[in-house]
PDB file of N, CA and C in Angstrom:
ATOM      1  N   MET A   1       0.844  -1.181   0.000  1.00  0.00           N
ATOM      2  CA  MET A   1       0.000   0.000   0.000  1.00  0.00           C
ATOM      3  C   MET A   1       0.889   1.244   0.000  1.00  0.00           C
ATOM      4  N   LEU A   2       0.534   2.189  -0.843  1.00  0.00           N
ATOM      5  CA  LEU A   2       1.268   3.442  -0.922  1.00  0.00           C
ATOM      6  C   LEU A   2       0.491   4.529  -0.178  1.00  0.00           C
ATOM      7  N   PRO A   3       1.137   5.267   0.707  1.00  0.00           N
ATOM      8  CA  PRO A   3       0.424   6.298   1.466  1.00  0.00           C
ATOM      9  C   PRO A   3       0.067   7.537   0.640  1.00  0.00           C
ATOM     10  N   THR A   4       0.532   7.597  -0.606  1.00  0.00           N
ATOM     11  CA  THR A   4       0.247   8.764  -1.451  1.00  0.00           C
ATOM     12  C   THR A   4      -0.834   8.493  -2.494  1.00  0.00           C
ATOM     13  N   ILE A   5      -1.282   7.241  -2.606  1.00  0.00           N
ATOM     14  CA  ILE A   5      -2.264   6.848  -3.621  1.00  0.00           C
ATOM     15  C   ILE A   5      -3.536   6.356  -2.924  1.00  0.00           C
ATOM     16  N   ALA A   6      -4.676   6.817  -3.417  1.00  0.00           N
ATOM     17  CA  ALA A   6      -5.977   6.366  -2.914  1.00  0.00           C
ATOM     18  C   ALA A   6      -6.585   5.421  -3.946  1.00  0.00           C
ATOM     19  N   THR A   7      -7.247   4.363  -3.480  1.00  0.00           N
ATOM     20  CA  THR A   7      -7.923   3.429  -4.371  1.00  0.00           C
ATOM     21  C   THR A   7      -9.394   3.317  -3.987  1.00  0.00           C
ATOM     22  N   PHE A   8     -10.224   3.091  -4.990  1.00  0.00           N
ATOM     23  CA  PHE A   8     -11.672   3.017  -4.772  1.00  0.00           C
ATOM     24  C   PHE A   8     -12.262   1.956  -5.682  1.00  0.00           C
ATOM     25  N   ILE A   9     -13.390   1.393  -5.286  1.00  0.00           N
ATOM     26  CA  ILE A   9     -14.184   0.550  -6.164  1.00  0.00           C
ATOM     27  C   ILE A   9     -15.621   1.029  -6.049  1.00  0.00           C
ATOM     28  N   GLN A  10     -16.288   1.175  -7.179  1.00  0.00           N
ATOM     29  CA  GLN A  10     -17.652   1.713  -7.201  1.00  0.00           C
ATOM     30  C   GLN A  10     -18.554   0.788  -7.995  1.00  0.00           C
ATOM     31  N   LEU A  11     -19.782   0.617  -7.520  1.00  0.00           N
ATOM     32  CA  LEU A  11     -20.812  -0.083  -8.264  1.00  0.00           C
ATOM     33  C   LEU A  11     -21.803   0.949  -8.769  1.00  0.00           C
ATOM     34  N   LEU A  12     -21.989   0.998 -10.073  1.00  0.00           N
ATOM     35  CA  LEU A  12     -22.993   1.874 -10.676  1.00  0.00           C
ATOM     36  C   LEU A  12     -24.091   0.961 -11.216  1.00  0.00           C
ATOM     37  N   PRO A  13     -25.264   0.939 -10.591  1.00  0.00           N
ATOM     38  CA  PRO A  13     -26.329   0.048 -11.044  1.00  0.00           C
ATOM     39  C   PRO A  13     -26.819   0.429 -12.442  1.00  0.00           C
ATOM     40  N   LYS A  14     -27.356  -0.544 -13.156  1.00  0.00           N
ATOM     41  CA  LYS A  14     -27.900  -0.307 -14.490  1.00  0.00           C
ATOM     42  C   LYS A  14     -28.830   0.897 -14.463  1.00  0.00           C
ATOM     43  N   SER A  15     -28.715   1.784 -15.438  1.00  0.00           N
ATOM     44  CA  SER A  15     -29.500   3.016 -15.601  1.00  0.00           C
ATOM     45  C   SER A  15     -29.087   4.137 -14.644  1.00  0.00           C
ATOM     46  N   PHE A  16     -28.048   3.922 -13.850  1.00  0.00           N
ATOM     47  CA  PHE A  16     -27.567   4.964 -12.931  1.00  0.00           C
ATOM     48  C   PHE A  16     -26.971   6.111 -13.735  1.00  0.00           C
ATOM     49  N   ARG A  17     -27.252   7.320 -13.310  1.00  0.00           N
ATOM     50  CA  ARG A  17     -26.667   8.521 -13.910  1.00  0.00           C
ATOM     51  C   ARG A  17     -26.109   9.363 -12.759  1.00  0.00           C
ATOM     52  N   SER A  18     -24.808   9.593 -12.764  1.00  0.00           N
ATOM     53  CA  SER A  18     -24.199  10.356 -11.682  1.00  0.00           C
ATOM     54  C   SER A  18     -24.376  11.855 -11.897  1.00  0.00           C
ATOM     55  N   SER A  19     -24.292  12.586 -10.815  1.00  0.00           N
ATOM     56  CA  SER A  19     -24.250  14.048 -10.890  1.00  0.00           C
ATOM     57  C   SER A  19     -22.850  14.464 -11.332  1.00  0.00           C
ATOM     58  N   PRO A  20     -22.722  15.612 -11.971  1.00  0.00           N
ATOM     59  CA  PRO A  20     -21.384  16.109 -12.323  1.00  0.00           C
ATOM     60  C   PRO A  20     -20.525  16.285 -11.063  1.00  0.00           C
ATOM     61  N   TYR A  21     -19.246  16.016 -11.217  1.00  0.00           N
ATOM     62  CA  TYR A  21     -18.319  16.047 -10.094  1.00  0.00           C
ATOM     63  C   TYR A  21     -16.947  16.471 -10.603  1.00  0.00           C
ATOM     64  N   ARG A  22     -16.228  17.224  -9.758  1.00  0.00           N
ATOM     65  CA  ARG A  22     -14.821  17.512 -10.034  1.00  0.00           C
ATOM     66  C   ARG A  22     -14.091  17.675  -8.715  1.00  0.00           C
ATOM     67  N   SER A  23     -12.786  17.423  -8.768  1.00  0.00           N
ATOM     68  CA  SER A  23     -11.956  17.590  -7.578  1.00  0.00           C
ATOM     69  C   SER A  23     -10.523  17.871  -8.023  1.00  0.00           C
ATOM     70  N   THR A  24      -9.694  18.166  -7.053  1.00  0.00           N
ATOM     71  CA  THR A  24      -8.295  18.471  -7.361  1.00  0.00           C
ATOM     72  C   THR A  24      -7.476  17.220  -7.641  1.00  0.00           C
ATOM     73  N   GLU A  25      -8.042  16.042  -7.432  1.00  0.00           N
ATOM     74  CA  GLU A  25      -7.311  14.804  -7.727  1.00  0.00           C
ATOM     75  C   GLU A  25      -7.411  14.452  -9.210  1.00  0.00           C
ATOM     76  N   GLY A  26      -6.392  13.835  -9.728  1.00  0.00           N
ATOM     77  CA  GLY A  26      -6.441  13.229 -11.050  1.00  0.00           C
ATOM     78  C   GLY A  26      -6.693  11.747 -10.829  1.00  0.00           C
ATOM     79  N   ALA A  27      -7.688  11.178 -11.518  1.00  0.00           N
ATOM     80  CA  ALA A  27      -8.071   9.785 -11.272  1.00  0.00           C
ATOM     81  C   ALA A  27      -7.984   8.946 -12.535  1.00  0.00           C
ATOM     82  N   VAL A  28      -7.535   7.700 -12.360  1.00  0.00           N
ATOM     83  CA  VAL A  28      -7.506   6.707 -13.427  1.00  0.00           C
ATOM     84  C   VAL A  28      -8.586   5.679 -13.104  1.00  0.00           C
ATOM     85  N   PHE A  29      -9.460   5.403 -14.072  1.00  0.00           N
ATOM     86  CA  PHE A  29     -10.557   4.459 -13.892  1.00  0.00           C
ATOM     87  C   PHE A  29     -10.327   3.229 -14.758  1.00  0.00           C
ATOM     88  N   VAL A  30     -10.592   2.049 -14.183  1.00  0.00           N
ATOM     89  CA  VAL A  30     -10.523   0.781 -14.905  1.00  0.00           C
ATOM     90  C   VAL A  30     -11.902   0.148 -14.811  1.00  0.00           C
ATOM     91  N   VAL A  31     -12.481  -0.204 -15.948  1.00  0.00           N
ATOM     92  CA  VAL A  31     -13.811  -0.806 -15.966  1.00  0.00           C
ATOM     93  C   VAL A  31     -13.656  -2.309 -15.713  1.00  0.00           C
ATOM     94  N   ALA A  32     -14.085  -2.753 -14.533  1.00  0.00           N
ATOM     95  CA  ALA A  32     -13.980  -4.169 -14.170  1.00  0.00           C
ATOM     96  C   ALA A  32     -15.150  -4.972 -14.723  1.00  0.00           C
ATOM     97  N   GLU A  33     -16.325  -4.352 -14.809  1.00  0.00           N
ATOM     98  CA  GLU A  33     -17.528  -5.008 -15.330  1.00  0.00           C
ATOM     99  C   GLU A  33     -18.437  -3.962 -15.940  1.00  0.00           C
ATOM    100  N   GLY A  34     -19.234  -4.373 -16.938  1.00  0.00           N
ATOM    101  CA  GLY A  34     -20.301  -3.545 -17.468  1.00  0.00           C
ATOM    102  C   GLY A  34     -19.883  -2.594 -18.569  1.00  0.00           C
ATOM    103  N   LYS A  35     -20.854  -1.749 -18.935  1.00  0.00           N
ATOM    104  CA  LYS A  35     -20.595  -0.748 -19.976  1.00  0.00           C
ATOM    105  C   LYS A  35     -21.452   0.476 -19.714  1.00  0.00           C
ATOM    106  N   GLY A  36     -21.007   1.590 -20.283  1.00  0.00           N
ATOM    107  CA  GLY A  36     -21.718   2.846 -20.094  1.00  0.00           C
ATOM    108  C   GLY A  36     -21.009   3.961 -20.823  1.00  0.00           C
ATOM    109  N   THR A  37     -21.252   5.173 -20.342  1.00  0.00           N
ATOM    110  CA  THR A  37     -20.664   6.362 -20.943  1.00  0.00           C
ATOM    111  C   THR A  37     -20.079   7.245 -19.852  1.00  0.00           C
ATOM    112  N   ALA A  38     -18.894   7.757 -20.110  1.00  0.00           N
ATOM    113  CA  ALA A  38     -18.269   8.743 -19.224  1.00  0.00           C
ATOM    114  C   ALA A  38     -18.247  10.064 -19.963  1.00  0.00           C
ATOM    115  N   LYS A  39     -18.715  11.111 -19.316  1.00  0.00           N
ATOM    116  CA  LYS A  39     -18.576  12.452 -19.870  1.00  0.00           C
ATOM    117  C   LYS A  39     -17.473  13.130 -19.070  1.00  0.00           C
ATOM    118  N   ILE A  40     -16.418  13.509 -19.756  1.00  0.00           N
ATOM    119  CA  ILE A  40     -15.256  14.126 -19.119  1.00  0.00           C
ATOM    120  C   ILE A  40     -15.007  15.434 -19.834  1.00  0.00           C
ATOM    121  N   GLY A  41     -15.174  16.532 -19.106  1.00  0.00           N
ATOM    122  CA  GLY A  41     -15.113  17.833 -19.753  1.00  0.00           C
ATOM    123  C   GLY A  41     -16.255  17.937 -20.744  1.00  0.00           C
ATOM    124  N   ASN A  42     -15.956  18.304 -21.982  1.00  0.00           N
ATOM    125  CA  ASN A  42     -16.971  18.434 -23.033  1.00  0.00           C
ATOM    126  C   ASN A  42     -17.075  17.210 -23.930  1.00  0.00           C
ATOM    127  N   GLN A  43     -16.373  16.134 -23.597  1.00  0.00           N
ATOM    128  CA  GLN A  43     -16.339  14.938 -24.439  1.00  0.00           C
ATOM    129  C   GLN A  43     -17.050  13.767 -23.766  1.00  0.00           C
ATOM    130  N   SER A  44     -17.707  12.950 -24.566  1.00  0.00           N
ATOM    131  CA  SER A  44     -18.337  11.720 -24.074  1.00  0.00           C
ATOM    132  C   SER A  44     -17.584  10.527 -24.641  1.00  0.00           C
ATOM    133  N   TYR A  45     -17.411   9.503 -23.798  1.00  0.00           N
ATOM    134  CA  TYR A  45     -16.683   8.305 -24.179  1.00  0.00           C
ATOM    135  C   TYR A  45     -17.482   7.080 -23.766  1.00  0.00           C
ATOM    136  N   ALA A  46     -17.739   6.181 -24.697  1.00  0.00           N
ATOM    137  CA  ALA A  46     -18.358   4.903 -24.364  1.00  0.00           C
ATOM    138  C   ALA A  46     -17.273   4.026 -23.739  1.00  0.00           C
ATOM    139  N   PHE A  47     -17.623   3.294 -22.677  1.00  0.00           N
ATOM    140  CA  PHE A  47     -16.665   2.372 -22.066  1.00  0.00           C
ATOM    141  C   PHE A  47     -17.301   1.005 -21.884  1.00  0.00           C
ATOM    142  N   LYS A  48     -16.417  -0.004 -21.791  1.00  0.00           N
ATOM    143  CA  LYS A  48     -16.833  -1.382 -21.558  1.00  0.00           C
ATOM    144  C   LYS A  48     -15.766  -2.056 -20.704  1.00  0.00           C
ATOM    145  N   LYS A  49     -16.029  -3.301 -20.329  1.00  0.00           N
ATOM    146  CA  LYS A  49     -15.101  -4.058 -19.494  1.00  0.00           C
ATOM    147  C   LYS A  49     -13.676  -3.993 -20.051  1.00  0.00           C
ATOM    148  N   ASN A  50     -12.735  -3.776 -19.150  1.00  0.00           N
ATOM    149  CA  ASN A  50     -11.291  -3.701 -19.422  1.00  0.00           C
ATOM    150  C   ASN A  50     -10.828  -2.377 -20.010  1.00  0.00           C
ATOM    151  N   ASP A  51     -11.714  -1.427 -20.242  1.00  0.00           N
ATOM    152  CA  ASP A  51     -11.277  -0.103 -20.699  1.00  0.00           C
ATOM    153  C   ASP A  51     -10.662   0.675 -19.544  1.00  0.00           C
ATOM    154  N   VAL A  52      -9.765   1.578 -19.889  1.00  0.00           N
ATOM    155  CA  VAL A  52      -9.101   2.448 -18.918  1.00  0.00           C
ATOM    156  C   VAL A  52      -9.247   3.877 -19.418  1.00  0.00           C
ATOM    157  N   PHE A  53      -9.613   4.795 -18.495  1.00  0.00           N
ATOM    158  CA  PHE A  53      -9.715   6.208 -18.874  1.00  0.00           C
ATOM    159  C   PHE A  53      -9.360   7.076 -17.675  1.00  0.00           C
ATOM    160  N   VAL A  54      -9.114   8.348 -17.950  1.00  0.00           N
ATOM    161  CA  VAL A  54      -8.628   9.285 -16.935  1.00  0.00           C
ATOM    162  C   VAL A  54      -9.579  10.464 -16.804  1.00  0.00           C
ATOM    163  N   ALA A  55      -9.778  10.918 -15.575  1.00  0.00           N
ATOM    164  CA  ALA A  55     -10.455  12.188 -15.305  1.00  0.00           C
ATOM    165  C   ALA A  55      -9.386  13.124 -14.726  1.00  0.00           C
ATOM    166  N   PRO A  56      -8.903  14.075 -15.520  1.00  0.00           N
ATOM    167  CA  PRO A  56      -7.868  14.998 -15.025  1.00  0.00           C
ATOM    168  C   PRO A  56      -8.369  15.839 -13.848  1.00  0.00           C
ATOM    169  N   ASN A  57      -7.439  16.364 -13.102  1.00  0.00           N
ATOM    170  CA  ASN A  57      -7.821  17.176 -11.940  1.00  0.00           C
ATOM    171  C   ASN A  57      -8.640  18.391 -12.369  1.00  0.00           C
ATOM    172  N   TRP A  58      -9.598  18.724 -11.547  1.00  0.00           N
ATOM    173  CA  TRP A  58     -10.524  19.861 -11.669  1.00  0.00           C
ATOM    174  C   TRP A  58     -11.266  19.876 -13.017  1.00  0.00           C
ATOM    175  N   THR A  59     -11.553  18.697 -13.546  1.00  0.00           N
ATOM    176  CA  THR A  59     -12.335  18.549 -14.774  1.00  0.00           C
ATOM    177  C   THR A  59     -13.672  17.911 -14.416  1.00  0.00           C
ATOM    178  N   TRP A  60     -14.767  18.533 -14.846  1.00  0.00           N
ATOM    179  CA  TRP A  60     -16.093  17.966 -14.580  1.00  0.00           C
ATOM    180  C   TRP A  60     -16.204  16.608 -15.256  1.00  0.00           C
ATOM    181  N   HIS A  61     -16.772  15.634 -14.535  1.00  0.00           N
ATOM    182  CA  HIS A  61     -17.041  14.330 -15.135  1.00  0.00           C
ATOM    183  C   HIS A  61     -18.291  13.710 -14.511  1.00  0.00           C
ATOM    184  N   SER A  62     -18.916  12.832 -15.290  1.00  0.00           N
ATOM    185  CA  SER A  62     -20.104  12.116 -14.827  1.00  0.00           C
ATOM    186  C   SER A  62     -20.180  10.788 -15.565  1.00  0.00           C
ATOM    187  N   PHE A  63     -21.010   9.882 -15.040  1.00  0.00           N
ATOM    188  CA  PHE A  63     -21.136   8.543 -15.604  1.00  0.00           C
ATOM    189  C   PHE A  63     -22.595   8.186 -15.831  1.00  0.00           C
ATOM    190  N   ASP A  64     -22.852   7.457 -16.916  1.00  0.00           N
ATOM    191  CA  ASP A  64     -24.152   6.844 -17.201  1.00  0.00           C
ATOM    192  C   ASP A  64     -23.895   5.358 -17.393  1.00  0.00           C
ATOM    193  N   ALA A  65     -24.606   4.530 -16.636  1.00  0.00           N
ATOM    194  CA  ALA A  65     -24.406   3.082 -16.707  1.00  0.00           C
ATOM    195  C   ALA A  65     -25.475   2.432 -17.583  1.00  0.00           C
ATOM    196  N   SER A  66     -25.057   1.770 -18.669  1.00  0.00           N
ATOM    197  CA  SER A  66     -25.974   1.015 -19.522  1.00  0.00           C
ATOM    198  C   SER A  66     -26.291  -0.337 -18.900  1.00  0.00           C
ATOM    199  N   ASP A  67     -25.317  -0.915 -18.211  1.00  0.00           N
ATOM    200  CA  ASP A  67     -25.426  -2.173 -17.463  1.00  0.00           C
ATOM    201  C   ASP A  67     -24.981  -1.892 -16.039  1.00  0.00           C
ATOM    202  N   ASP A  68     -25.020  -2.906 -15.184  1.00  0.00           N
ATOM    203  CA  ASP A  68     -24.352  -2.774 -13.893  1.00  0.00           C
ATOM    204  C   ASP A  68     -22.866  -2.597 -14.182  1.00  0.00           C
ATOM    205  N   VAL A  69     -22.270  -1.555 -13.626  1.00  0.00           N
ATOM    206  CA  VAL A  69     -20.866  -1.227 -13.888  1.00  0.00           C
ATOM    207  C   VAL A  69     -20.082  -1.288 -12.582  1.00  0.00           C
ATOM    208  N   VAL A  70     -18.908  -1.896 -12.636  1.00  0.00           N
ATOM    209  CA  VAL A  70     -17.968  -1.873 -11.520  1.00  0.00           C
ATOM    210  C   VAL A  70     -16.734  -1.128 -12.007  1.00  0.00           C
ATOM    211  N   LEU A  71     -16.432  -0.018 -11.334  1.00  0.00           N
ATOM    212  CA  LEU A  71     -15.257   0.795 -11.665  1.00  0.00           C
ATOM    213  C   LEU A  71     -14.236   0.700 -10.542  1.00  0.00           C
ATOM    214  N   PHE A  72     -13.014   0.397 -10.894  1.00  0.00           N
ATOM    215  CA  PHE A  72     -11.887   0.503  -9.972  1.00  0.00           C
ATOM    216  C   PHE A  72     -11.170   1.783 -10.342  1.00  0.00           C
ATOM    217  N   SER A  73     -10.767   2.563  -9.353  1.00  0.00           N
ATOM    218  CA  SER A  73     -10.022   3.782  -9.657  1.00  0.00           C
ATOM    219  C   SER A  73      -8.914   4.000  -8.638  1.00  0.00           C
ATOM    220  N   TYR A  74      -7.916   4.735  -9.078  1.00  0.00           N
ATOM    221  CA  TYR A  74      -6.859   5.180  -8.167  1.00  0.00           C
ATOM    222  C   TYR A  74      -6.508   6.612  -8.511  1.00  0.00           C
ATOM    223  N   SER A  75      -6.030   7.324  -7.490  1.00  0.00           N
ATOM    224  CA  SER A  75      -5.761   8.747  -7.683  1.00  0.00           C
ATOM    225  C   SER A  75      -4.715   9.224  -6.689  1.00  0.00           C
ATOM    226  N   ASP A  76      -4.376  10.501  -6.828  1.00  0.00           N
ATOM    227  CA  ASP A  76      -3.437  11.140  -5.908  1.00  0.00           C
ATOM    228  C   ASP A  76      -4.163  11.825  -4.735  1.00  0.00           C
ATOM    229  N   ARG A  77      -5.412  11.455  -4.503  1.00  0.00           N
ATOM    230  CA  ARG A  77      -6.206  12.075  -3.440  1.00  0.00           C
ATOM    231  C   ARG A  77      -5.539  11.967  -2.068  1.00  0.00           C
ATOM    232  N   ALA A  78      -4.942  10.828  -1.760  1.00  0.00           N
ATOM    233  CA  ALA A  78      -4.350  10.626  -0.432  1.00  0.00           C
ATOM    234  C   ALA A  78      -3.291  11.686  -0.115  1.00  0.00           C
ATOM    235  N   ILE A  79      -2.397  11.944  -1.052  1.00  0.00           N
ATOM    236  CA  ILE A  79      -1.358  12.941  -0.798  1.00  0.00           C
ATOM    237  C   ILE A  79      -1.941  14.348  -0.765  1.00  0.00           C
ATOM    238  N   LEU A  80      -2.933  14.614  -1.634  1.00  0.00           N
ATOM    239  CA  LEU A  80      -3.545  15.939  -1.638  1.00  0.00           C
ATOM    240  C   LEU A  80      -4.251  16.228  -0.315  1.00  0.00           C
ATOM    241  N   GLU A  81      -4.894  15.213   0.263  1.00  0.00           N
ATOM    242  CA  GLU A  81      -5.525  15.393   1.581  1.00  0.00           C
ATOM    243  C   GLU A  81      -4.474  15.665   2.651  1.00  0.00           C
ATOM    244  N   LYS A  82      -3.365  14.926   2.607  1.00  0.00           N
ATOM    245  CA  LYS A  82      -2.313  15.083   3.621  1.00  0.00           C
ATOM    246  C   LYS A  82      -1.687  16.476   3.614  1.00  0.00           C
ATOM    247  N   VAL A  83      -1.586  17.081   2.439  1.00  0.00           N
ATOM    248  CA  VAL A  83      -0.968  18.410   2.353  1.00  0.00           C
ATOM    249  C   VAL A  83      -1.996  19.540   2.291  1.00  0.00           C
ATOM    250  N   GLY A  84      -3.266  19.200   2.466  1.00  0.00           N
ATOM    251  CA  GLY A  84      -4.318  20.214   2.540  1.00  0.00           C
ATOM    252  C   GLY A  84      -4.730  20.833   1.213  1.00  0.00           C
ATOM    253  N   LEU A  85      -4.517  20.121   0.112  1.00  0.00           N
ATOM    254  CA  LEU A  85      -4.834  20.667  -1.208  1.00  0.00           C
ATOM    255  C   LEU A  85      -6.035  20.003  -1.884  1.00  0.00           C
ATOM    256  N   TRP A  86      -6.659  19.014  -1.223  1.00  0.00           N
ATOM    257  CA  TRP A  86      -7.784  18.323  -1.859  1.00  0.00           C
ATOM    258  C   TRP A  86      -9.062  19.121  -1.678  1.00  0.00           C
ATOM    259  N   ARG A  87      -9.771  19.346  -2.798  1.00  0.00           N
ATOM    260  CA  ARG A  87     -11.060  20.035  -2.815  1.00  0.00           C
ATOM    261  C   ARG A  87     -11.971  19.292  -3.765  1.00  0.00           C
ATOM    262  N   GLU A  88     -13.284  19.435  -3.591  1.00  0.00           N
ATOM    263  CA  GLU A  88     -14.236  18.826  -4.503  1.00  0.00           C
ATOM    264  C   GLU A  88     -15.432  19.730  -4.703  1.00  0.00           C
ATOM    265  N   GLN A  89     -16.115  19.520  -5.804  1.00  0.00           N
ATOM    266  CA  GLN A  89     -17.341  20.252  -6.105  1.00  0.00           C
ATOM    267  C   GLN A  89     -18.281  19.272  -6.794  1.00  0.00           C
ATOM    268  N   ARG A  90     -19.556  19.305  -6.400  1.00  0.00           N
ATOM    269  CA  ARG A  90     -20.545  18.362  -6.938  1.00  0.00           C
ATOM    270  C   ARG A  90     -21.735  19.087  -7.531  1.00  0.00           C
ATOM    271  N   GLY A  91     -22.333  18.441  -8.534  1.00  0.00           N
ATOM    272  CA  GLY A  91     -23.657  18.795  -8.993  1.00  0.00           C
ATOM    273  C   GLY A  91     -23.842  20.056  -9.801  1.00  0.00           C
ATOM    274  N   ASN A  92     -22.808  20.599 -10.391  1.00  0.00           N
ATOM    275  CA  ASN A  92     -22.978  21.788 -11.222  1.00  0.00           C
ATOM    276  C   ASN A  92     -23.320  21.343 -12.633  1.00  0.00           C
ATOM    277  N   SER A  93     -24.593  21.033 -12.861  1.00  0.00           N
ATOM    278  CA  SER A  93     -24.987  20.489 -14.156  1.00  0.00           C
ATOM    279  C   SER A  93     -24.774  21.494 -15.298  1.00  0.00           C
ATOM    280  N   ALA A  94     -24.696  22.755 -15.010  1.00  0.00           N
ATOM    281  CA  ALA A  94     -24.435  23.748 -16.060  1.00  0.00           C
ATOM    282  C   ALA A  94     -23.034  23.582 -16.632  1.00  0.00           C
ATOM    283  N   ALA A  95     -22.140  22.978 -15.870  1.00  0.00           N
ATOM    284  CA  ALA A  95     -20.765  22.777 -16.334  1.00  0.00           C
ATOM    285  C   ALA A  95     -20.665  21.687 -17.372  1.00  0.00           C
ATOM    286  N   LEU A  96     -21.649  20.801 -17.426  1.00  0.00           N
ATOM    287  CA  LEU A  96     -21.613  19.723 -18.425  1.00  0.00           C
ATOM    288  C   LEU A  96     -22.546  20.062 -19.499  1.00  0.00           C
TER     289      LEU A  96
END
């Protein structure tokens, strides 16, 4: 385990649509199961099992799940929290 890297696993149920979100962390997502669409900034990307994509820091992103989706992600959130630089913002749908 690295004290500077944060890891997460998320289940997005079929038909789930997330609210827009951004934070100071840069995150790498790996699709473990399912398929859907990621909107990152002004671009939309279809994803499926085994795809890998990135949400850069302070970039609005959201997810739409076509199937049950399992996302594994890792980011620099742990170090940003330790040094007091981690921030987040949720739900600004005008940004997407």
